[in-house]
Protein backbone atom coordinates (compact mmCIF):
# COMPACT_ATOMS: atom_id res chain seq x y z
CA MET A 1 -53.42 5.99 -75.26
CA GLU A 2 -49.61 6.32 -75.35
CA ASP A 3 -49.78 9.09 -72.72
CA VAL A 4 -51.74 6.85 -70.37
CA LYS A 5 -49.24 4.02 -70.75
CA ASP A 6 -46.38 6.46 -70.33
CA SER A 7 -47.95 7.87 -67.14
CA LYS A 8 -48.45 4.40 -65.67
CA LEU A 9 -44.84 3.48 -66.49
CA ARG A 10 -43.56 6.59 -64.81
CA ARG A 11 -45.63 5.98 -61.67
CA PHE A 12 -44.45 2.38 -61.57
CA CYS A 13 -40.80 3.36 -61.99
CA SER A 14 -41.09 6.22 -59.54
CA LYS A 15 -42.63 3.99 -56.89
CA ASN A 16 -39.95 1.31 -57.27
CA ILE A 17 -37.05 3.78 -57.47
CA LEU A 18 -38.26 5.46 -54.26
CA ILE A 19 -38.43 2.07 -52.58
CA ILE A 20 -34.91 1.23 -53.79
CA LEU A 21 -33.56 4.63 -52.68
CA GLY A 22 -35.25 4.37 -49.29
CA PHE A 23 -33.96 0.86 -48.76
CA SER A 24 -30.45 1.92 -49.85
CA SER A 25 -30.45 4.89 -47.46
CA ILE A 26 -31.58 2.71 -44.55
CA ILE A 27 -28.87 0.12 -45.35
CA ALA A 28 -26.23 2.87 -45.60
CA VAL A 29 -27.28 4.43 -42.26
CA ILE A 30 -27.37 1.02 -40.53
CA ALA A 31 -23.96 0.16 -41.96
CA LEU A 32 -22.46 3.45 -40.73
CA ILE A 33 -23.89 2.99 -37.26
CA ALA A 34 -22.80 -0.68 -37.10
CA VAL A 35 -19.24 0.05 -38.22
CA GLY A 36 -18.97 3.00 -35.83
CA LEU A 37 -20.30 1.10 -32.82
CA THR A 38 -18.25 -2.01 -33.58
CA GLN A 39 -15.04 -0.05 -33.91
CA ASN A 40 -15.60 2.23 -30.92
CA LYS A 41 -17.23 -0.09 -28.39
CA PRO A 42 -15.39 -0.25 -25.04
CA LEU A 43 -12.71 -2.92 -25.01
CA PRO A 44 -12.90 -5.50 -22.22
CA GLU A 45 -10.75 -4.65 -19.20
CA ASN A 46 -7.44 -6.47 -19.41
CA MET A 47 -6.91 -6.50 -15.65
CA LYS A 48 -4.48 -8.58 -13.66
CA TYR A 49 -4.68 -9.34 -9.94
CA GLY A 50 -2.22 -10.12 -7.17
CA ILE A 51 -2.46 -11.01 -3.47
CA VAL A 52 0.10 -10.10 -0.82
CA LEU A 53 -0.21 -11.21 2.81
CA ASP A 54 1.62 -9.01 5.28
CA ALA A 55 2.44 -11.38 8.15
CA GLY A 56 3.54 -8.94 10.83
CA SER A 57 4.60 -9.51 14.42
CA SER A 58 1.16 -8.77 15.90
CA HIS A 59 -1.28 -9.51 13.06
CA THR A 60 -1.63 -10.53 9.40
CA THR A 61 -3.36 -8.49 6.69
CA LEU A 62 -4.27 -9.65 3.19
CA TYR A 63 -4.15 -7.09 0.37
CA ILE A 64 -5.59 -7.58 -3.12
CA TYR A 65 -4.09 -5.50 -5.92
CA LYS A 66 -5.02 -5.08 -9.56
CA TRP A 67 -3.24 -3.58 -12.56
CA PRO A 68 -3.69 -3.41 -16.35
CA GLY A 69 -1.90 -5.97 -18.51
CA GLU A 70 -0.33 -3.12 -20.48
CA LYS A 71 2.38 -1.55 -18.35
CA GLU A 72 3.73 1.97 -18.04
CA ASN A 73 7.51 2.42 -18.34
CA ASP A 74 7.90 -1.34 -17.77
CA THR A 75 6.16 -1.23 -14.38
CA GLY A 76 2.57 -2.23 -13.69
CA VAL A 77 0.22 0.55 -12.54
CA VAL A 78 -0.95 -1.18 -9.38
CA ASN A 79 -3.93 -0.15 -7.23
CA GLN A 80 -5.26 -1.63 -3.98
CA LEU A 81 -8.62 -3.30 -4.49
CA GLU A 82 -9.33 -4.88 -1.10
CA GLU A 83 -7.94 -5.23 2.42
CA CYS A 84 -8.76 -8.07 4.81
CA LYS A 85 -7.45 -8.27 8.37
CA VAL A 86 -6.89 -11.83 9.54
CA LYS A 87 -8.38 -12.43 12.98
CA GLY A 88 -5.77 -13.44 15.50
CA PRO A 89 -2.11 -12.67 16.33
CA GLY A 90 0.90 -12.79 14.01
CA ILE A 91 1.89 -16.13 12.48
CA SER A 92 4.94 -16.40 14.74
CA GLN A 93 2.51 -17.03 17.62
CA TYR A 94 1.45 -20.27 15.90
CA ALA A 95 4.92 -21.82 16.18
CA ASN A 96 3.65 -24.51 18.57
CA LYS A 97 0.20 -24.91 16.97
CA THR A 98 0.86 -24.86 13.23
CA HIS A 99 -2.22 -27.05 12.61
CA GLU A 100 -4.37 -23.97 13.30
CA ILE A 101 -2.81 -21.84 10.55
CA SER A 102 -5.11 -23.16 7.82
CA ILE A 103 -8.23 -22.08 9.75
CA TYR A 104 -6.50 -18.81 10.66
CA LEU A 105 -6.11 -17.83 6.97
CA THR A 106 -9.41 -19.21 5.65
CA ALA A 107 -11.73 -16.19 6.03
CA CYS A 108 -9.52 -13.75 4.15
CA MET A 109 -8.63 -16.23 1.41
CA GLU A 110 -12.33 -16.91 0.87
CA ARG A 111 -12.85 -13.16 0.62
CA ALA A 112 -10.19 -13.04 -2.09
CA LYS A 113 -12.14 -15.69 -4.03
CA GLU A 114 -15.19 -13.43 -3.91
CA VAL A 115 -13.36 -10.31 -5.09
CA ILE A 116 -11.22 -11.74 -7.90
CA PRO A 117 -13.00 -13.04 -11.05
CA LYS A 118 -12.93 -16.84 -11.17
CA SER A 119 -11.45 -16.75 -14.69
CA GLN A 120 -8.39 -14.99 -13.22
CA TYR A 121 -7.69 -17.39 -10.33
CA GLN A 122 -4.90 -19.35 -12.00
CA GLU A 123 -3.19 -16.16 -13.20
CA THR A 124 -3.35 -14.42 -9.81
CA PRO A 125 -0.07 -14.69 -7.87
CA VAL A 126 -0.18 -15.03 -4.07
CA TYR A 127 2.76 -14.02 -1.91
CA LEU A 128 3.18 -14.08 1.85
CA GLY A 129 5.88 -11.93 3.36
CA ALA A 130 6.66 -12.35 7.05
CA THR A 131 8.40 -9.50 8.83
CA ALA A 132 10.09 -8.90 12.18
CA GLY A 133 8.02 -11.30 14.27
CA MET A 134 9.20 -14.21 12.16
CA ARG A 135 12.72 -12.78 12.00
CA LEU A 136 12.82 -12.96 15.79
CA LEU A 137 11.38 -16.49 15.80
CA ARG A 138 14.06 -17.55 13.32
CA ILE A 139 16.71 -16.21 15.72
CA GLU A 140 15.13 -18.10 18.62
CA ASN A 141 14.41 -21.37 16.82
CA GLU A 142 14.98 -21.72 13.10
CA GLY A 143 13.20 -25.08 13.01
CA LEU A 144 9.98 -23.65 14.44
CA ALA A 145 10.13 -20.75 11.97
CA ASP A 146 10.49 -23.19 9.09
CA ASN A 147 7.55 -25.24 10.36
CA VAL A 148 5.35 -22.13 10.38
CA LEU A 149 6.27 -21.32 6.77
CA ILE A 150 5.65 -24.94 5.73
CA ALA A 151 2.18 -24.82 7.32
CA VAL A 152 1.45 -21.51 5.57
CA THR A 153 2.60 -22.97 2.25
CA GLN A 154 0.39 -26.03 2.64
CA SER A 155 -2.60 -23.87 3.51
CA LEU A 156 -2.24 -21.34 0.67
CA SER A 157 -1.40 -24.00 -1.92
CA LYS A 158 -4.87 -25.52 -1.53
CA TYR A 159 -6.48 -22.55 -3.26
CA SER A 160 -6.84 -22.17 -7.02
CA PHE A 161 -4.61 -19.10 -7.11
CA ASN A 162 -1.02 -19.14 -8.34
CA PHE A 163 0.79 -19.44 -5.00
CA GLN A 164 4.34 -18.08 -5.33
CA GLY A 165 5.71 -18.81 -1.89
CA ALA A 166 5.90 -17.71 1.73
CA ARG A 167 9.12 -16.28 3.07
CA VAL A 168 10.60 -14.05 5.72
CA ILE A 169 11.54 -10.76 4.09
CA SER A 170 14.60 -8.90 5.33
CA GLY A 171 14.47 -5.60 7.17
CA ARG A 172 16.15 -3.97 4.17
CA GLU A 173 13.39 -5.19 1.88
CA GLU A 174 10.67 -4.06 4.28
CA GLY A 175 12.13 -0.56 4.43
CA ALA A 176 12.76 -0.31 0.71
CA TYR A 177 9.31 -1.50 -0.34
CA GLY A 178 7.70 0.96 2.07
CA TRP A 179 9.71 3.74 0.41
CA ILE A 180 8.51 2.60 -3.02
CA THR A 181 4.88 2.57 -1.83
CA ILE A 182 4.91 6.14 -0.51
CA ASN A 183 6.59 7.62 -3.57
CA TYR A 184 4.41 5.66 -5.98
CA LEU A 185 1.21 6.87 -4.32
CA LEU A 186 2.47 10.45 -4.09
CA GLY A 187 3.27 10.41 -7.82
CA LYS A 188 7.00 10.88 -7.39
CA PHE A 189 7.91 8.28 -10.02
CA THR A 190 5.56 9.52 -12.78
CA LYS A 191 4.27 12.98 -13.58
CA LYS A 192 0.51 12.48 -13.57
CA SER A 193 -2.03 15.06 -12.52
CA ARG A 194 -4.35 12.42 -11.11
CA TRP A 195 -2.02 11.44 -8.29
CA PHE A 196 -2.66 12.63 -4.74
CA ASN A 197 -0.39 15.42 -3.50
CA LEU A 198 -0.02 16.83 -0.02
CA MET A 199 -0.88 20.49 0.44
CA THR A 200 2.74 21.61 0.69
CA ASN A 201 4.35 23.17 -2.36
CA GLU A 202 7.31 20.83 -2.13
CA SER A 203 5.09 17.89 -3.07
CA ASP A 204 4.68 19.34 -6.56
CA SER A 205 8.30 18.51 -7.31
CA GLN A 206 9.64 15.11 -8.26
CA GLU A 207 11.91 14.89 -5.22
CA THR A 208 11.17 11.63 -3.45
CA TYR A 209 9.87 11.30 0.10
CA GLY A 210 11.68 9.36 2.79
CA ALA A 211 9.86 6.51 4.57
CA LEU A 212 9.57 5.90 8.32
CA ASP A 213 8.00 2.57 9.25
CA LEU A 214 7.27 1.47 12.80
CA GLY A 215 5.97 -2.01 13.55
CA GLY A 216 5.68 -4.10 16.67
CA ALA A 217 9.12 -5.70 16.45
CA SER A 218 11.18 -3.49 14.12
CA THR A 219 11.41 0.00 12.68
CA GLN A 220 12.81 1.14 9.32
CA ILE A 221 14.10 4.38 7.81
CA THR A 222 14.65 4.75 4.05
CA PHE A 223 15.43 7.78 1.90
CA VAL A 224 17.60 9.11 -0.93
CA PRO A 225 20.58 11.02 0.56
CA GLN A 226 21.57 14.34 -0.98
CA ASN A 227 24.98 14.18 -2.68
CA GLN A 228 26.04 11.85 0.12
CA THR A 229 28.09 8.71 -0.25
CA ILE A 230 26.53 5.80 1.61
CA GLU A 231 29.51 4.87 3.76
CA SER A 232 28.25 1.41 4.75
CA PRO A 233 27.50 -0.85 1.74
CA GLN A 234 24.93 -2.87 3.70
CA ASN A 235 22.73 0.23 3.87
CA ALA A 236 22.72 0.89 0.10
CA LEU A 237 20.05 -0.28 -2.32
CA TYR A 238 19.62 0.44 -6.02
CA PHE A 239 16.28 0.53 -7.82
CA ARG A 240 15.14 1.19 -11.36
CA LEU A 241 11.51 2.27 -11.45
CA TYR A 242 9.62 3.97 -14.30
CA GLY A 243 12.78 4.38 -16.31
CA LYS A 244 14.84 6.07 -13.58
CA ASN A 245 17.59 4.84 -11.25
CA TYR A 246 17.53 5.45 -7.48
CA ASN A 247 20.36 5.12 -4.96
CA VAL A 248 18.60 4.57 -1.63
CA TYR A 249 19.75 4.42 1.98
CA THR A 250 17.82 1.99 4.20
CA GLN A 251 18.22 0.63 7.71
CA SER A 252 16.02 -1.69 9.74
CA PHE A 253 16.35 -1.80 13.53
CA LEU A 254 15.20 -5.19 14.77
CA CYS A 255 13.89 -5.10 18.37
CA TYR A 256 13.03 -1.41 18.13
CA GLY A 257 9.41 -1.75 17.07
CA LYS A 258 7.14 -0.32 19.77
CA ASP A 259 6.20 -3.67 21.36
CA GLN A 260 9.74 -5.00 21.62
CA ALA A 261 11.05 -1.58 22.71
CA LEU A 262 8.58 -1.67 25.62
CA LEU A 263 9.84 -5.13 26.59
CA GLN A 264 13.41 -3.83 26.43
CA LYS A 265 12.58 -0.88 28.65
CA LEU A 266 10.82 -3.06 31.22
CA ALA A 267 13.61 -5.66 31.20
CA LYS A 268 16.12 -2.86 31.72
CA ASP A 269 14.18 -1.22 34.53
CA ILE A 270 13.43 -4.35 36.60
CA ARG A 271 17.14 -4.81 37.22
CA GLU A 272 16.94 -1.80 39.53
CA THR A 273 13.82 -2.78 41.46
CA ASP A 274 12.02 -5.51 43.34
CA LYS A 275 8.89 -7.21 42.02
CA ILE A 276 6.98 -3.91 41.91
CA LEU A 277 7.93 -1.48 39.11
CA ARG A 278 6.67 2.08 39.36
CA ASP A 279 6.68 3.03 35.71
CA PRO A 280 6.29 6.62 34.39
CA CYS A 281 5.34 5.31 30.92
CA PHE A 282 1.93 4.11 32.18
CA ASN A 283 -0.83 6.39 33.40
CA HIS A 284 -1.21 6.96 37.12
CA GLY A 285 -3.47 4.34 38.70
CA TYR A 286 -2.80 1.68 36.08
CA ASN A 287 -1.75 -1.80 37.28
CA ARG A 288 -0.51 -4.78 35.30
CA VAL A 289 1.01 -8.11 36.28
CA MET A 290 3.51 -9.74 33.92
CA ASN A 291 5.31 -13.07 33.99
CA ILE A 292 9.06 -12.59 34.09
CA SER A 293 9.42 -15.37 31.52
CA ASP A 294 7.27 -13.40 29.04
CA LEU A 295 9.57 -10.45 29.54
CA GLN A 296 12.94 -12.19 29.38
CA ASP A 297 12.32 -14.86 26.75
CA SER A 298 12.39 -12.43 23.82
CA PRO A 299 15.70 -12.29 21.89
CA CYS A 300 15.42 -8.50 22.20
CA THR A 301 15.75 -8.56 26.00
CA LYS A 302 18.65 -11.00 26.31
CA LYS A 303 21.16 -8.22 26.99
CA TYR A 304 19.14 -7.14 30.04
CA LYS A 305 18.54 -10.64 31.38
CA LYS A 306 19.15 -11.05 35.10
CA ILE A 307 18.41 -13.88 37.50
CA LEU A 308 15.52 -12.72 39.66
CA GLU A 309 14.02 -14.21 42.79
CA PHE A 310 10.43 -13.53 41.72
CA GLN A 311 8.42 -14.97 38.83
CA GLN A 312 5.98 -12.13 38.31
CA LEU A 313 6.33 -8.38 37.95
CA GLN A 314 3.70 -5.88 39.05
CA ILE A 315 3.67 -2.63 37.08
CA GLN A 316 2.20 0.47 38.71
CA GLY A 317 1.81 3.50 36.47
CA THR A 318 2.98 6.95 37.63
CA GLY A 319 2.32 8.83 34.36
CA ASN A 320 5.27 11.19 33.83
CA PHE A 321 6.35 12.03 30.27
CA GLN A 322 9.77 13.48 31.14
CA GLN A 323 10.78 10.52 33.30
CA CYS A 324 9.42 8.08 30.70
CA GLN A 325 11.47 9.72 27.96
CA GLN A 326 14.64 9.62 30.00
CA SER A 327 14.13 5.88 30.51
CA ILE A 328 13.55 5.35 26.77
CA PHE A 329 16.63 7.39 25.83
CA GLN A 330 18.75 4.76 27.62
CA LEU A 331 17.76 2.21 24.93
CA PHE A 332 19.76 4.15 22.31
CA ASN A 333 23.53 3.99 22.53
CA THR A 334 24.73 7.00 20.53
CA SER A 335 28.41 6.86 21.52
CA ASN A 336 31.46 5.77 19.48
CA CYS A 337 30.26 6.40 15.93
CA PRO A 338 32.71 4.86 13.39
CA TYR A 339 31.24 6.91 10.50
CA SER A 340 30.83 10.59 9.75
CA HIS A 341 27.27 10.44 11.09
CA CYS A 342 25.35 7.73 13.01
CA SER A 343 21.92 6.97 14.38
CA PHE A 344 22.64 4.65 17.36
CA ASP A 345 24.44 1.38 18.04
CA LYS A 346 27.18 2.47 15.57
CA ILE A 347 24.79 2.37 12.60
CA PHE A 348 25.58 4.76 9.75
CA LEU A 349 22.90 7.38 9.03
CA PRO A 350 23.33 10.16 6.43
CA PRO A 351 21.90 13.59 7.33
CA LEU A 352 18.16 13.59 6.74
CA ARG A 353 16.74 15.65 3.88
CA GLY A 354 13.38 16.42 2.33
CA HIS A 355 10.00 15.22 3.53
CA PHE A 356 9.22 11.90 5.23
CA GLY A 357 6.07 9.80 5.35
CA ALA A 358 5.67 8.06 8.74
CA PHE A 359 3.26 5.12 8.65
CA SER A 360 2.11 1.91 10.36
CA ALA A 361 2.35 2.36 14.16
CA TYR A 362 3.58 5.94 13.73
CA TYR A 363 0.24 6.77 12.14
CA TYR A 364 -2.02 4.67 14.39
CA VAL A 365 -0.58 6.12 17.60
CA MET A 366 -0.62 9.70 16.34
CA LYS A 367 -4.13 9.27 14.98
CA PHE A 368 -5.35 8.21 18.42
CA LEU A 369 -3.68 11.32 19.87
CA ASN A 370 -5.35 13.45 17.15
CA LEU A 371 -2.00 14.55 15.65
CA THR A 372 -2.42 13.47 12.00
CA SER A 373 -3.72 16.56 10.20
CA GLU A 374 -2.43 17.31 6.68
CA GLU A 375 -0.66 20.37 8.07
CA PRO A 376 2.06 18.89 10.33
CA TYR A 377 2.11 19.87 13.98
CA SER A 378 5.22 21.37 15.54
CA GLN A 379 7.41 19.23 17.74
CA GLU A 380 6.41 21.39 20.69
CA LYS A 381 2.70 20.70 20.05
CA VAL A 382 3.28 16.94 19.74
CA ILE A 383 5.32 16.80 22.97
CA ASP A 384 2.73 18.90 24.81
CA THR A 385 -0.10 16.60 23.65
CA VAL A 386 1.69 13.40 24.69
CA GLU A 387 2.76 14.92 27.99
CA LYS A 388 -0.84 15.86 28.84
CA PHE A 389 -2.07 12.41 27.85
CA CYS A 390 0.48 10.68 30.07
CA SER A 391 -0.59 12.85 33.02
CA LEU A 392 -4.25 11.74 32.81
CA PRO A 393 -5.39 9.30 35.52
CA TRP A 394 -6.09 5.76 34.30
CA GLU A 395 -9.68 5.82 35.54
CA GLU A 396 -10.37 8.96 33.50
CA LEU A 397 -8.88 7.33 30.38
CA LYS A 398 -11.13 4.31 30.79
CA ARG A 399 -14.18 6.56 31.09
CA ASN A 400 -13.27 8.62 28.02
CA PHE A 401 -12.02 5.74 25.82
CA GLY A 402 -14.03 2.77 27.03
CA GLU A 403 -14.34 1.37 23.48
CA VAL A 404 -10.54 0.98 23.14
CA HIS A 405 -9.02 -2.37 24.13
CA GLU A 406 -7.40 -1.95 27.56
CA LYS A 407 -3.96 -3.21 26.50
CA TYR A 408 -3.75 -0.72 23.61
CA LEU A 409 -5.11 2.15 25.72
CA SER A 410 -2.61 1.47 28.50
CA GLU A 411 0.35 1.66 26.11
CA TYR A 412 -0.44 4.90 24.26
CA CYS A 413 1.56 6.96 26.75
CA PHE A 414 4.62 4.79 26.17
CA SER A 415 4.07 4.58 22.39
CA GLY A 416 3.66 8.34 21.95
CA THR A 417 6.74 9.02 24.07
CA TYR A 418 8.68 6.33 22.24
CA ILE A 419 7.88 7.82 18.82
CA ILE A 420 9.09 11.26 19.95
CA SER A 421 12.22 9.74 21.50
CA LEU A 422 12.97 7.58 18.45
CA LEU A 423 12.74 10.55 16.08
CA GLN A 424 14.78 12.80 18.36
CA ARG A 425 17.48 10.47 19.65
CA ALA A 426 17.83 7.83 16.91
CA TYR A 427 17.27 9.99 13.81
CA HIS A 428 18.35 13.37 15.27
CA ILE A 429 15.24 15.18 14.03
CA THR A 430 15.35 18.79 15.16
CA PRO A 431 12.35 21.01 15.98
CA ASP A 432 12.81 22.80 12.63
CA PHE A 433 12.84 19.52 10.68
CA TRP A 434 9.75 18.18 12.46
CA LYS A 435 7.45 19.98 9.98
CA ASN A 436 8.77 17.62 7.28
CA ILE A 437 7.28 14.56 9.02
CA HIS A 438 3.84 13.55 7.65
CA PHE A 439 1.93 10.80 9.46
CA MET A 440 0.18 8.73 6.78
CA GLY A 441 -2.39 5.94 6.88
CA LYS A 442 -3.85 5.80 3.38
CA ILE A 443 -3.14 7.58 0.10
CA GLN A 444 -5.56 7.25 -2.82
CA ASN A 445 -7.46 4.54 -0.90
CA SER A 446 -4.30 2.42 -0.68
CA ASP A 447 -2.70 1.55 2.64
CA VAL A 448 0.78 2.90 3.13
CA GLY A 449 3.11 -0.01 3.87
CA TRP A 450 5.60 -2.34 2.24
CA THR A 451 3.12 -4.63 0.43
CA LEU A 452 2.25 -2.31 -2.45
CA GLY A 453 5.93 -1.62 -3.10
CA TYR A 454 6.51 -5.36 -3.04
CA MET A 455 3.82 -5.88 -5.67
CA LEU A 456 5.19 -3.02 -7.77
CA ASN A 457 8.63 -4.58 -7.74
CA LEU A 458 7.17 -7.95 -8.69
CA THR A 459 5.24 -6.50 -11.63
CA ASN A 460 8.57 -5.37 -13.05
CA ARG A 461 9.09 -9.06 -13.80
CA ILE A 462 5.65 -9.62 -15.34
CA PRO A 463 5.87 -9.34 -19.16
CA ALA A 464 3.70 -6.59 -20.60
CA GLU A 465 0.91 -7.86 -22.83
CA GLN A 466 -0.06 -6.42 -26.20
CA PRO A 467 -2.89 -3.91 -25.80
CA LEU A 468 -6.30 -5.17 -26.85
CA SER A 469 -6.96 -3.77 -30.34
CA ALA A 470 -10.18 -2.66 -32.08
CA PRO A 471 -11.98 -5.25 -34.31
CA LEU A 472 -11.09 -3.43 -37.57
CA SER A 473 -7.79 -1.99 -38.67
CA TYR A 474 -7.71 1.77 -38.98
CA SER A 475 -7.50 1.72 -42.81
CA THR A 476 -10.41 -0.74 -43.12
CA TYR A 477 -12.49 1.34 -40.72
CA VAL A 478 -11.87 4.56 -42.72
CA PHE A 479 -12.60 2.82 -46.06
CA LEU A 480 -15.94 1.43 -44.87
CA MET A 481 -17.02 4.70 -43.30
CA VAL A 482 -16.20 6.64 -46.51
CA LEU A 483 -17.87 4.02 -48.74
CA PHE A 484 -21.14 3.97 -46.83
CA SER A 485 -21.10 7.74 -46.46
CA LEU A 486 -20.74 8.15 -50.27
CA ILE A 487 -23.60 5.71 -50.82
CA LEU A 488 -25.77 7.68 -48.45
CA VAL A 489 -24.83 11.00 -50.13
CA ALA A 490 -25.59 9.53 -53.59
CA VAL A 491 -29.00 8.34 -52.42
CA VAL A 492 -29.82 11.75 -50.96
CA ILE A 493 -28.76 13.60 -54.16
CA THR A 494 -30.75 11.21 -56.36
CA SER A 495 -33.83 11.65 -54.20
CA LEU A 496 -33.52 15.42 -54.38
CA LEU A 497 -33.30 15.27 -58.18
CA ILE A 498 -36.41 13.10 -58.40
CA PHE A 499 -38.49 15.42 -56.28
CA HIS A 500 -37.18 18.80 -57.43
CA GLN A 501 -36.54 18.14 -61.17
CA PRO A 502 -38.73 15.15 -62.11
CA SER A 503 -39.10 16.21 -65.75
CA TYR A 504 -35.33 16.28 -66.25
CA PHE A 505 -34.98 12.92 -64.58
CA TRP A 506 -37.74 11.16 -66.55
CA LYS A 507 -36.58 12.69 -69.83
CA ASP A 508 -33.43 10.57 -69.49
CA VAL A 509 -35.27 7.53 -68.24
CA VAL A 510 -38.12 7.34 -70.83
């Protein structure tokens, strides 16, 4: 009778102990998984956003940038998220119709609202930087320029973003920020394998690239001279980026963007002719009629102004590269240099060194002419290509490039010749040095231009935030993982003892 009772007791205890052990093992496994997942789950992105509007002489483009709240070497790691081209001309063209500026900017600002999370609106800074077009308007009429900026401010302030102001940036700033953009995207400030590099071996080094920017109204050159004192203080800039100091030369030439340079050339040439100008910088068979007032009212053409008996000018293209270049060369006065080395108009220019990234209109013109491969073309090849293009009849161009706007198509001969002339005559680039010029549009999906450099410089002033931390401290995490692991091990060992040595186990229990 005792044996029966003893057997029932053992079965009862065995059944309950197995239930307890099974439950304990399940709890231990769940606890391990829960602690592991909780501690190692992806942290929410701590991203910040910024908007920069590039208000150029011929158009405005809105760029949206993002960067992590935690910064690297005190500078935000900024990437381009979105680009939106505003429909219409540059904001300087709204000087006498400022009431239209709000509508002008609406589409791209609404796009920004779609791209940026609503929770980030109030923390997202918005900047508008106006370049050479507004610099020229300020020279012509400072009051009108101020009215345009006031209208822009009123328009952008209506949005929920953190509007930081609209201003006309200087040519020095435009050149310097373009230099920052190129070197940032090429990985010249930080040694990171993920950054894009050009195919040349030189790009593997940390030597910075120079920057060549060509717009409609101005052009900039910026680079770090080699062991060269910058003889004119107005051309020197100092930066500290990613923990390193840079002594940079920069110069902006107002009125020497491709659009204003064309006006200068035409204003210069009509002094020697009647109301018909046979121009070698336009393809043979091309005709255009211009108002003399449109030509002479620009501040850039004042030095060529002459009282004329006619109100309109008829341009007839003759399409000759050599003659066009000789006419363009006359825009650059390279005499009487007061320094050891000059570009033109008595402007100091140190000897060029290293590689240069040429962007904006440099890139767009050369891309149209199919001269933007990663392996740079020789100067001879570039000249030959432009010369052949200029010699093509206008009717043939229209047949082959019918999708291109007529105004742009008609000016590619001049623009290509102007780029060659600017590099040769203004910057003294030799045939051997030409291989160091790289025409760039985008790097790492970011547009090459001054706006990214502007944002990078601004993020230097944004305080770095503390990194988001895991829910548990490291010591607590280790303690809990060890504790639940020991519980699970104890359960497993106990279970093995019950099943493999039951007599030994029950001898102690009963």
